[in-house]
Protein backbone atom coordinates (compact mmCIF):
# COMPACT_ATOMS: atom_id res chain seq x y z
CA MET A 1 17.13 -56.65 2.05
CA GLU A 2 19.28 -56.14 -1.02
CA GLU A 3 17.81 -55.37 -4.42
CA ASN A 4 18.02 -58.16 -6.94
CA PRO A 5 19.82 -56.67 -9.97
CA GLY A 6 18.71 -59.55 -12.18
CA LEU A 7 15.07 -58.99 -11.32
CA LEU A 8 15.35 -55.23 -11.80
CA ALA A 9 17.04 -55.73 -15.16
CA ALA A 10 14.30 -58.15 -16.23
CA TYR A 11 11.65 -55.60 -15.23
CA ASP A 12 13.42 -52.79 -17.09
CA GLU A 13 13.64 -54.97 -20.19
CA ALA A 14 10.01 -56.13 -19.92
CA LYS A 15 8.61 -52.60 -19.67
CA THR A 16 10.24 -51.61 -22.97
CA LYS A 17 8.52 -54.36 -24.97
CA SER A 18 5.11 -54.28 -26.61
CA TYR A 19 2.98 -57.31 -25.74
CA GLY A 20 -0.38 -56.44 -27.26
CA ASP A 21 -2.19 -57.45 -24.07
CA TRP A 22 -2.77 -56.34 -20.46
CA ARG A 23 0.98 -56.08 -19.81
CA ASP A 24 1.20 -52.96 -22.00
CA ASP A 25 -1.26 -51.16 -19.70
CA PHE A 26 0.46 -52.54 -16.61
CA PHE A 27 3.89 -51.25 -17.56
CA LYS A 28 2.50 -47.92 -18.82
CA ASN A 29 0.06 -47.16 -15.97
CA GLY A 30 1.14 -49.39 -13.08
CA TYR A 31 -2.13 -51.34 -13.26
CA ALA A 32 -4.23 -53.19 -15.79
CA VAL A 33 -7.95 -53.80 -16.06
CA ILE A 34 -8.62 -57.33 -17.21
CA LYS A 35 -12.19 -57.78 -18.36
CA SER A 36 -14.29 -60.83 -17.49
CA VAL A 37 -12.10 -61.97 -14.60
CA VAL A 38 -14.97 -61.32 -12.20
CA THR A 39 -18.59 -61.87 -13.08
CA PRO A 40 -20.86 -58.80 -12.86
CA GLU A 41 -22.68 -60.45 -9.95
CA LYS A 42 -19.45 -61.05 -8.04
CA ALA A 43 -18.27 -57.48 -8.75
CA LYS A 44 -21.58 -56.17 -7.39
CA SER A 45 -21.15 -58.26 -4.25
CA TYR A 46 -17.67 -56.77 -3.68
CA GLN A 47 -19.11 -53.29 -4.21
CA ASN A 48 -21.91 -53.98 -1.72
CA LYS A 49 -19.42 -55.23 0.87
CA ALA A 50 -17.28 -52.12 0.36
CA LEU A 51 -20.34 -49.92 0.83
CA ASP A 52 -21.30 -51.92 3.94
CA TRP A 53 -17.81 -51.24 5.28
CA LEU A 54 -18.19 -47.53 4.52
CA MET A 55 -21.60 -47.40 6.15
CA SER A 56 -20.23 -49.09 9.30
CA PHE A 57 -18.80 -45.68 10.30
CA ASP A 58 -22.39 -44.51 10.93
CA SER A 59 -21.49 -40.98 9.87
CA GLY A 60 -24.85 -39.94 8.47
CA ILE A 61 -24.17 -40.85 4.84
CA ASP A 62 -27.28 -41.99 3.02
CA LEU A 63 -26.34 -43.79 -0.18
CA ASN A 64 -29.70 -42.81 -1.68
CA ASP A 65 -29.31 -39.11 -0.87
CA ARG A 66 -26.38 -37.40 -2.59
CA SER A 67 -26.83 -34.31 -0.42
CA THR A 68 -25.39 -36.37 2.49
CA TRP A 69 -22.22 -37.20 0.56
CA LYS A 70 -20.10 -34.54 2.26
CA LYS A 71 -16.36 -34.84 2.70
CA ASP A 72 -16.58 -34.43 6.47
CA ARG A 73 -18.88 -37.48 6.71
CA PHE A 74 -16.44 -39.86 5.06
CA PRO A 75 -13.52 -41.46 6.88
CA SER A 76 -10.34 -39.51 6.28
CA SER A 77 -8.62 -40.60 3.10
CA PHE A 78 -5.77 -39.89 0.76
CA LYS A 79 -6.73 -39.78 -2.93
CA SER A 80 -9.93 -41.69 -2.09
CA MET A 81 -7.98 -44.47 -0.38
CA PHE A 82 -8.63 -45.31 3.26
CA PHE A 83 -5.14 -46.41 4.35
CA ALA A 84 -5.56 -45.55 8.04
CA TYR A 85 -8.45 -47.99 8.47
CA CYS A 86 -6.77 -51.19 7.19
CA VAL A 87 -9.55 -51.66 4.64
CA THR A 88 -6.94 -53.12 2.33
CA HIS A 89 -6.96 -56.20 4.58
CA GLU A 90 -10.71 -56.60 4.88
CA LYS A 91 -11.98 -59.96 3.65
CA PHE A 92 -13.90 -58.46 0.71
CA MET A 93 -10.70 -56.79 -0.51
CA TRP A 94 -8.75 -60.04 -0.38
CA ASP A 95 -11.62 -61.87 -2.06
CA ALA A 96 -11.57 -59.33 -4.89
CA ARG A 97 -7.78 -59.51 -5.23
CA THR A 98 -7.72 -63.27 -5.39
CA SER A 99 -10.64 -63.75 -7.76
CA VAL A 100 -10.07 -66.17 -10.58
CA CYS A 101 -11.60 -66.38 -14.03
CA PRO A 102 -14.92 -68.21 -14.06
CA SER A 103 -14.81 -71.63 -15.68
């Protein structure tokens, strides 16, 4: 697949501008945190589902006992990301990615 020079030029131009909103963080850091997109309750439900996924490894981690939070008990990861386990395609991850602002 060939690179689209028009798209790359548009990106290069966009990242040099100041927008005064989330785009400034996006172009500076590669991500942006946009507040109030997800309700606190919905965020907690995503967190709980992520912890359920983590606990499904049955590795002896007790979320209520920090002394069990040992590196060798967690699935192998790279910079705290679990690429080898396809967690990025779990339903809770897609639900979080595709959340929309509450009405």
